[in-house]
Protein backbone atom coordinates (compact mmCIF):
# COMPACT_ATOMS: atom_id res chain seq x y z
CA MET A 1 -52.54 113.13 53.20
CA GLU A 2 -52.58 116.80 52.41
CA ALA A 3 -49.19 116.44 50.49
CA ASN A 4 -50.82 113.68 48.38
CA ALA A 5 -53.75 115.85 47.53
CA GLU A 6 -51.53 118.73 46.46
CA MET A 7 -49.35 116.41 44.35
CA PHE A 8 -52.47 115.03 42.59
CA ARG A 9 -53.76 118.51 41.91
CA THR A 10 -50.44 119.59 40.44
CA ARG A 11 -50.29 116.55 38.28
CA LEU A 12 -53.89 117.02 37.16
CA ILE A 13 -53.06 120.64 36.05
CA ASP A 14 -49.97 119.40 34.20
CA LEU A 15 -52.09 116.81 32.41
CA ARG A 16 -54.71 119.32 31.32
CA ALA A 17 -52.00 121.48 29.96
CA ILE A 18 -50.51 118.63 27.93
CA GLU A 19 -53.98 117.66 26.67
CA THR A 20 -54.60 121.25 25.52
CA LYS A 21 -51.23 121.27 23.68
CA ARG A 22 -52.04 117.94 22.07
CA THR A 23 -55.47 119.12 20.75
CA ASP A 24 -53.90 122.32 19.45
CA LEU A 25 -51.30 120.29 17.56
CA MET A 26 -53.99 117.97 16.09
CA GLU A 27 -55.91 120.95 14.76
CA VAL A 28 -52.76 122.36 13.21
CA SER A 29 -52.01 119.04 11.64
CA LYS A 30 -55.62 118.78 10.24
CA GLY A 31 -55.17 122.17 8.69
CA PHE A 32 -51.79 121.21 7.16
CA LEU A 33 -53.15 117.96 5.77
CA LEU A 34 -56.10 119.89 4.20
CA SER A 35 -53.75 122.32 2.54
CA LEU A 36 -51.67 119.43 1.23
CA SER A 37 -54.70 117.56 -0.22
CA VAL A 38 -55.65 120.73 -2.19
CA ASN A 39 -52.20 120.79 -3.70
CA THR A 40 -51.73 117.16 -3.93
CA ARG A 41 -51.03 116.95 -7.71
CA TYR A 42 -48.63 119.82 -7.58
CA THR A 43 -46.92 118.47 -4.59
CA LYS A 44 -46.53 114.93 -5.93
CA ARG A 45 -45.23 116.21 -9.25
CA ARG A 46 -42.77 118.50 -7.53
CA LEU A 47 -41.67 115.67 -5.21
CA TRP A 48 -41.06 113.31 -8.11
CA GLN A 49 -39.06 116.00 -9.91
CA GLU A 50 -36.94 116.56 -6.87
CA LEU A 51 -36.39 112.86 -6.34
CA LEU A 52 -35.47 112.41 -10.05
CA HIS A 53 -33.03 115.35 -9.81
CA ARG A 54 -31.41 113.90 -6.72
CA LEU A 55 -31.14 110.50 -8.39
CA GLU A 56 -29.40 111.98 -11.42
CA LYS A 57 -27.01 113.88 -9.28
CA ALA A 58 -26.22 110.72 -7.29
CA GLU A 59 -25.69 108.76 -10.41
CA ALA A 60 -23.36 111.39 -11.85
CA LYS A 61 -21.38 111.35 -8.55
CA LEU A 62 -21.20 107.63 -8.66
CA GLN A 63 -19.96 107.62 -12.21
CA GLN A 64 -17.24 110.18 -11.25
CA THR A 65 -16.26 108.17 -8.23
CA GLU A 66 -15.95 104.98 -10.40
CA LEU A 67 -13.75 106.82 -12.89
CA ASP A 68 -11.61 108.21 -10.07
CA LEU A 69 -11.19 104.73 -8.60
CA GLN A 70 -10.21 103.29 -11.93
CA ASN A 71 -7.59 106.00 -12.36
CA GLU A 72 -6.21 105.30 -8.91
CA ARG A 73 -6.03 101.59 -9.68
CA ASP A 74 -4.23 102.26 -12.92
CA ALA A 75 -1.81 104.62 -11.24
CA ARG A 76 -1.11 101.97 -8.48
CA ARG A 77 -0.48 99.25 -11.02
CA ARG A 78 1.92 101.53 -13.00
CA LEU A 79 3.75 102.49 -9.70
CA GLN A 80 3.99 98.78 -8.71
CA GLN A 81 5.39 97.93 -12.15
CA ASP A 82 7.91 100.69 -12.03
CA VAL A 83 9.10 99.57 -8.50
CA PHE A 84 9.32 95.99 -9.79
CA GLU A 85 11.42 97.02 -12.76
CA MET A 86 13.76 99.20 -10.56
CA LYS A 87 14.22 96.37 -8.10
CA GLU A 88 14.96 94.04 -10.97
CA ARG A 89 17.49 96.46 -12.51
CA GLU A 90 19.08 96.94 -9.12
CA SER A 91 19.49 93.24 -8.43
CA THR A 92 20.80 92.70 -12.01
CA SER A 93 23.36 95.50 -11.60
CA VAL A 94 24.50 94.15 -8.26
CA ILE A 95 25.13 90.77 -9.74
CA ILE A 96 26.94 92.31 -12.72
CA ASN A 97 29.08 94.56 -10.40
CA PHE A 98 29.69 91.54 -8.14
CA THR A 99 31.14 89.43 -10.94
CA LYS A 100 33.14 92.30 -12.48
CA PHE A 101 35.03 93.46 -9.28
CA VAL A 102 35.44 90.54 -7.02
CA LYS A 103 38.49 88.36 -7.12
CA ILE A 104 37.62 84.65 -6.58
CA PRO A 105 40.46 82.15 -6.19
CA LEU A 106 39.46 79.00 -8.01
CA THR A 107 42.70 77.09 -7.35
CA SER A 108 44.68 76.99 -4.14
CA SER A 109 48.13 78.20 -4.75
CA ARG A 110 50.65 79.85 -2.56
CA ASP A 111 51.52 82.31 -5.14
CA ASP A 112 48.91 85.06 -5.67
CA ASP A 113 49.94 85.41 -9.33
CA HIS A 114 48.13 82.29 -10.13
CA LEU A 115 44.57 83.45 -9.13
CA ARG A 116 41.83 83.11 -11.74
CA TRP A 117 39.29 85.71 -12.35
CA CYS A 118 35.61 85.08 -12.92
């Protein structure tokens, strides 16, 4: 029973300390709110200016990002077109080289002198 009483006393002391801190904070908050109400016009105007400034900066960054994205897209398209053209030239040159340098017999003859060339 004595242990419970001691525990309750300790808890009561802690609660009183917490209540004191809470009331102190409320007084500080009231003082802060009063100081804000005196400078409300100035504070609101300054807040709007700051918000407008941030909005303008964000819009400028967005516009730059959109330009960068468009440039990247254009560069990717050019690169894809270049790769496509290179592959096309490569396949065309292989076909041309294949027809120029490969001997294809079109008639069956025992004599190799009678082979036809494509």
